[in-house]
């Protein structure tokens, strides 16, 4: 059963809404870590969240593809600060997208 399976009332939850809510929480955790100098911790929060969403959310294929591409880009980037920003920019794009 995925994260977007049931709203508690038997109705499916919008997968994009689920993704956006998790991304917002990840930013709430990761951004302060980054601002306090823990760039790796920030990246790890962002990357873990992206991987969770790829595995646990059914639907929202285009957004999941964006997350997948960002993780792939991070896998070839050696600078953890850059890795954090790659994911943050992707998260911001998903959060700001009206129709994804």
N, C-alpha and C. Protein backbone atom coordinates (compact mmCIF):
# COMPACT_ATOMS: atom_id res chain seq x y z
N UNK A 1 0.85 -1.17 0.00
CA UNK A 1 0.00 0.00 0.00
C UNK A 1 0.90 1.24 0.00
N UNK A 2 0.69 2.13 -0.94
CA UNK A 2 1.51 3.33 -1.06
C UNK A 2 1.04 4.45 -0.15
N UNK A 3 1.83 5.49 -0.10
CA UNK A 3 1.50 6.66 0.72
C UNK A 3 0.24 7.35 0.26
N UNK A 4 -0.09 7.22 -1.01
CA UNK A 4 -1.24 7.94 -1.57
C UNK A 4 -2.44 7.03 -1.75
N UNK A 5 -2.52 5.97 -0.97
CA UNK A 5 -3.57 4.98 -1.20
C UNK A 5 -4.92 5.36 -0.61
N UNK A 6 -4.94 5.84 0.64
CA UNK A 6 -6.23 6.01 1.32
C UNK A 6 -6.19 7.21 2.25
N UNK A 7 -7.19 8.06 2.15
CA UNK A 7 -7.26 9.26 2.99
C UNK A 7 -7.94 8.98 4.32
N UNK A 8 -8.19 7.73 4.65
CA UNK A 8 -8.86 7.40 5.90
C UNK A 8 -10.36 7.29 5.72
N UNK A 9 -10.87 7.73 4.59
CA UNK A 9 -12.30 7.65 4.32
C UNK A 9 -12.60 6.75 3.12
N UNK A 10 -11.62 5.93 2.75
CA UNK A 10 -11.80 5.02 1.64
C UNK A 10 -11.52 5.63 0.28
N UNK A 11 -11.22 6.92 0.25
CA UNK A 11 -10.96 7.61 -1.02
C UNK A 11 -9.45 7.72 -1.25
N UNK A 12 -9.01 7.55 -2.50
CA UNK A 12 -7.59 7.72 -2.80
C UNK A 12 -7.17 9.18 -2.60
N UNK A 13 -5.94 9.35 -2.22
CA UNK A 13 -5.37 10.68 -2.03
C UNK A 13 -4.66 11.07 -3.33
N UNK A 14 -4.69 12.35 -3.67
CA UNK A 14 -3.98 12.84 -4.84
C UNK A 14 -2.48 12.62 -4.64
N UNK A 15 -1.84 11.83 -5.51
CA UNK A 15 -0.42 11.54 -5.31
C UNK A 15 0.45 12.78 -5.36
N UNK A 16 0.09 13.77 -6.18
CA UNK A 16 0.88 15.00 -6.24
C UNK A 16 0.79 15.75 -4.92
N UNK A 17 -0.37 15.75 -4.29
CA UNK A 17 -0.52 16.40 -2.98
C UNK A 17 0.34 15.70 -1.94
N UNK A 18 0.39 14.38 -1.99
CA UNK A 18 1.23 13.62 -1.05
C UNK A 18 2.69 13.98 -1.27
N UNK A 19 3.12 13.97 -2.52
CA UNK A 19 4.51 14.30 -2.83
C UNK A 19 4.85 15.70 -2.34
N UNK A 20 3.99 16.65 -2.63
CA UNK A 20 4.25 18.02 -2.21
C UNK A 20 4.32 18.15 -0.70
N UNK A 21 3.48 17.43 0.02
CA UNK A 21 3.52 17.53 1.48
C UNK A 21 4.83 16.97 2.03
N UNK A 22 5.31 15.88 1.49
CA UNK A 22 6.57 15.30 1.94
C UNK A 22 7.75 16.20 1.57
N UNK A 23 7.71 16.80 0.38
CA UNK A 23 8.79 17.70 -0.01
C UNK A 23 8.85 18.92 0.91
N UNK A 24 7.68 19.44 1.28
CA UNK A 24 7.64 20.60 2.18
C UNK A 24 8.24 20.25 3.54
N UNK A 25 7.93 19.08 4.05
CA UNK A 25 8.49 18.66 5.34
C UNK A 25 10.00 18.46 5.22
N UNK A 26 10.45 17.87 4.12
CA UNK A 26 11.88 17.66 3.92
C UNK A 26 12.62 18.99 3.92
N UNK A 27 12.04 20.00 3.29
CA UNK A 27 12.66 21.33 3.27
C UNK A 27 12.68 21.93 4.67
N UNK A 28 11.61 21.71 5.44
CA UNK A 28 11.56 22.23 6.81
C UNK A 28 12.67 21.62 7.67
N UNK A 29 13.07 20.40 7.37
CA UNK A 29 14.13 19.73 8.12
C UNK A 29 15.50 20.04 7.51
N UNK A 30 15.59 19.93 6.19
CA UNK A 30 16.88 20.06 5.51
C UNK A 30 17.43 21.47 5.47
N UNK A 31 16.58 22.47 5.25
CA UNK A 31 17.07 23.84 5.12
C UNK A 31 17.77 24.34 6.40
N UNK A 32 17.20 24.13 7.58
CA UNK A 32 17.92 24.55 8.79
C UNK A 32 19.25 23.81 8.96
N UNK A 33 19.28 22.53 8.60
CA UNK A 33 20.54 21.78 8.68
C UNK A 33 21.58 22.43 7.76
N UNK A 34 21.16 22.74 6.55
CA UNK A 34 22.05 23.39 5.59
C UNK A 34 22.54 24.73 6.14
N UNK A 35 21.61 25.52 6.65
CA UNK A 35 21.94 26.86 7.16
C UNK A 35 22.87 26.81 8.37
N UNK A 36 22.88 25.69 9.07
CA UNK A 36 23.79 25.52 10.21
C UNK A 36 25.08 24.81 9.81
N UNK A 37 25.31 24.68 8.51
CA UNK A 37 26.56 24.12 8.02
C UNK A 37 26.56 22.63 7.75
N UNK A 38 25.45 21.96 7.99
CA UNK A 38 25.38 20.52 7.75
C UNK A 38 24.82 20.25 6.36
N UNK A 39 25.63 20.50 5.36
CA UNK A 39 25.19 20.33 3.98
C UNK A 39 24.92 18.86 3.66
N UNK A 40 25.74 17.98 4.21
CA UNK A 40 25.52 16.54 3.98
C UNK A 40 24.20 16.09 4.61
N UNK A 41 23.93 16.55 5.82
CA UNK A 41 22.67 16.19 6.48
C UNK A 41 21.48 16.68 5.69
N UNK A 42 21.57 17.89 5.17
CA UNK A 42 20.51 18.42 4.33
C UNK A 42 20.30 17.55 3.10
N UNK A 43 21.39 17.25 2.41
CA UNK A 43 21.29 16.41 1.22
C UNK A 43 20.68 15.05 1.57
N UNK A 44 21.10 14.47 2.66
CA UNK A 44 20.60 13.15 3.03
C UNK A 44 19.10 13.17 3.30
N UNK A 45 18.61 14.22 3.95
CA UNK A 45 17.16 14.36 4.17
C UNK A 45 16.45 14.45 2.82
N UNK A 46 16.96 15.30 1.95
CA UNK A 46 16.34 15.48 0.63
C UNK A 46 16.37 14.19 -0.18
N UNK A 47 17.53 13.54 -0.21
CA UNK A 47 17.67 12.32 -1.02
C UNK A 47 16.80 11.19 -0.48
N UNK A 48 16.77 11.03 0.85
CA UNK A 48 15.95 9.99 1.46
C UNK A 48 14.47 10.23 1.13
N UNK A 49 14.05 11.47 1.21
CA UNK A 49 12.66 11.81 0.91
C UNK A 49 12.33 11.50 -0.55
N UNK A 50 13.22 11.88 -1.45
CA UNK A 50 12.99 11.61 -2.87
C UNK A 50 12.91 10.10 -3.13
N UNK A 51 13.82 9.34 -2.54
CA UNK A 51 13.79 7.88 -2.74
C UNK A 51 12.52 7.26 -2.16
N UNK A 52 12.10 7.72 -0.99
CA UNK A 52 10.86 7.23 -0.38
C UNK A 52 9.67 7.48 -1.31
N UNK A 53 9.58 8.69 -1.84
CA UNK A 53 8.45 9.03 -2.72
C UNK A 53 8.46 8.19 -3.99
N UNK A 54 9.64 7.92 -4.53
CA UNK A 54 9.72 7.10 -5.73
C UNK A 54 9.21 5.68 -5.47
N UNK A 55 9.47 5.18 -4.26
CA UNK A 55 9.06 3.81 -3.93
C UNK A 55 7.63 3.71 -3.44
N UNK A 56 7.15 4.70 -2.71
CA UNK A 56 5.91 4.54 -1.96
C UNK A 56 4.68 5.21 -2.59
N UNK A 57 4.88 6.12 -3.51
CA UNK A 57 3.74 6.82 -4.10
C UNK A 57 3.41 6.22 -5.45
N UNK A 58 2.14 5.91 -5.63
CA UNK A 58 1.66 5.42 -6.92
C UNK A 58 1.07 6.60 -7.68
N UNK A 59 1.46 6.75 -8.93
CA UNK A 59 0.97 7.86 -9.74
C UNK A 59 1.98 8.98 -9.78
N UNK A 60 1.57 10.12 -10.33
CA UNK A 60 2.42 11.32 -10.47
C UNK A 60 3.72 10.98 -11.21
N UNK A 61 3.59 10.27 -12.31
CA UNK A 61 4.75 9.77 -13.04
C UNK A 61 5.71 10.87 -13.47
N UNK A 62 5.20 12.00 -13.95
CA UNK A 62 6.08 13.07 -14.41
C UNK A 62 6.91 13.66 -13.27
N UNK A 63 6.27 13.86 -12.14
CA UNK A 63 6.99 14.41 -10.99
C UNK A 63 8.00 13.40 -10.48
N UNK A 64 7.63 12.15 -10.44
CA UNK A 64 8.56 11.12 -10.00
C UNK A 64 9.75 11.03 -10.95
N UNK A 65 9.53 11.24 -12.22
CA UNK A 65 10.63 11.23 -13.18
C UNK A 65 11.59 12.40 -12.89
N UNK A 66 11.05 13.55 -12.54
CA UNK A 66 11.89 14.69 -12.17
C UNK A 66 12.76 14.35 -10.96
N UNK A 67 12.15 13.72 -9.96
CA UNK A 67 12.90 13.32 -8.77
C UNK A 67 13.97 12.31 -9.12
N UNK A 68 13.63 11.35 -9.96
CA UNK A 68 14.57 10.32 -10.39
C UNK A 68 15.77 10.95 -11.11
N UNK A 69 15.49 11.89 -12.02
CA UNK A 69 16.58 12.56 -12.75
C UNK A 69 17.48 13.35 -11.80
N UNK A 70 16.88 14.01 -10.82
CA UNK A 70 17.68 14.78 -9.86
C UNK A 70 18.58 13.85 -9.05
N UNK A 71 18.05 12.72 -8.60
CA UNK A 71 18.87 11.75 -7.86
C UNK A 71 20.00 11.20 -8.73
N UNK A 72 19.70 10.97 -10.00
CA UNK A 72 20.74 10.49 -10.92
C UNK A 72 21.84 11.54 -11.08
N UNK A 73 21.44 12.81 -11.21
CA UNK A 73 22.43 13.88 -11.31
C UNK A 73 23.28 13.94 -10.05
N UNK A 74 22.66 13.78 -8.90
CA UNK A 74 23.40 13.81 -7.64
C UNK A 74 24.40 12.66 -7.54
N UNK A 75 24.07 11.54 -8.14
CA UNK A 75 24.94 10.37 -8.03
C UNK A 75 26.28 10.58 -8.74
N UNK A 76 26.35 11.54 -9.65
CA UNK A 76 27.61 11.81 -10.36
C UNK A 76 28.26 13.10 -9.87
N UNK A 77 27.65 13.77 -8.92
CA UNK A 77 28.17 15.03 -8.38
C UNK A 77 28.94 14.73 -7.10
N UNK A 78 30.17 15.21 -7.00
CA UNK A 78 30.99 14.92 -5.82
C UNK A 78 30.81 15.95 -4.70
N UNK A 79 30.34 17.14 -5.04
CA UNK A 79 30.18 18.20 -4.05
C UNK A 79 28.82 18.09 -3.38
N UNK A 80 28.81 17.80 -2.08
CA UNK A 80 27.56 17.59 -1.35
C UNK A 80 26.71 18.87 -1.32
N UNK A 81 27.35 20.02 -1.33
CA UNK A 81 26.58 21.27 -1.37
C UNK A 81 25.80 21.35 -2.68
N UNK A 82 26.45 21.00 -3.76
CA UNK A 82 25.78 21.00 -5.07
C UNK A 82 24.67 19.95 -5.09
N UNK A 83 24.91 18.78 -4.50
CA UNK A 83 23.88 17.74 -4.44
C UNK A 83 22.63 18.26 -3.73
N UNK A 84 22.84 18.93 -2.60
CA UNK A 84 21.70 19.47 -1.85
C UNK A 84 20.92 20.46 -2.71
N UNK A 85 21.64 21.31 -3.44
CA UNK A 85 20.96 22.31 -4.26
C UNK A 85 20.26 21.71 -5.47
N UNK A 86 20.81 20.67 -6.04
CA UNK A 86 20.13 19.99 -7.16
C UNK A 86 18.76 19.51 -6.70
N UNK A 87 18.72 18.87 -5.55
CA UNK A 87 17.45 18.37 -5.04
C UNK A 87 16.54 19.51 -4.60
N UNK A 88 17.09 20.52 -3.96
CA UNK A 88 16.26 21.63 -3.50
C UNK A 88 15.60 22.34 -4.69
N UNK A 89 16.35 22.57 -5.74
CA UNK A 89 15.77 23.21 -6.92
C UNK A 89 14.67 22.35 -7.53
N UNK A 90 14.87 21.05 -7.53
CA UNK A 90 13.85 20.13 -8.04
C UNK A 90 12.61 20.17 -7.14
N UNK A 91 12.82 20.14 -5.83
CA UNK A 91 11.70 20.21 -4.90
C UNK A 91 10.92 21.51 -5.10
N UNK A 92 11.65 22.62 -5.21
CA UNK A 92 11.00 23.91 -5.42
C UNK A 92 10.19 23.93 -6.71
N UNK A 93 10.73 23.32 -7.76
CA UNK A 93 10.01 23.27 -9.03
C UNK A 93 8.72 22.46 -8.90
N UNK A 94 8.79 21.35 -8.18
CA UNK A 94 7.59 20.52 -7.97
C UNK A 94 6.58 21.27 -7.11
N UNK A 95 7.06 21.92 -6.07
CA UNK A 95 6.15 22.65 -5.19
C UNK A 95 5.51 23.84 -5.89
N UNK A 96 6.21 24.43 -6.84
CA UNK A 96 5.70 25.59 -7.53
C UNK A 96 4.94 25.28 -8.80
N UNK A 97 4.99 24.03 -9.25
CA UNK A 97 4.32 23.66 -10.49
C UNK A 97 2.82 23.58 -10.28
N UNK A 98 2.07 24.25 -11.12
CA UNK A 98 0.61 24.24 -11.04
C UNK A 98 0.03 22.94 -11.60
N UNK A 99 0.57 22.50 -12.70
CA UNK A 99 0.04 21.29 -13.36
C UNK A 99 1.20 20.36 -13.68
N UNK A 100 1.45 19.41 -12.79
CA UNK A 100 2.53 18.45 -13.04
C UNK A 100 1.96 17.07 -13.16
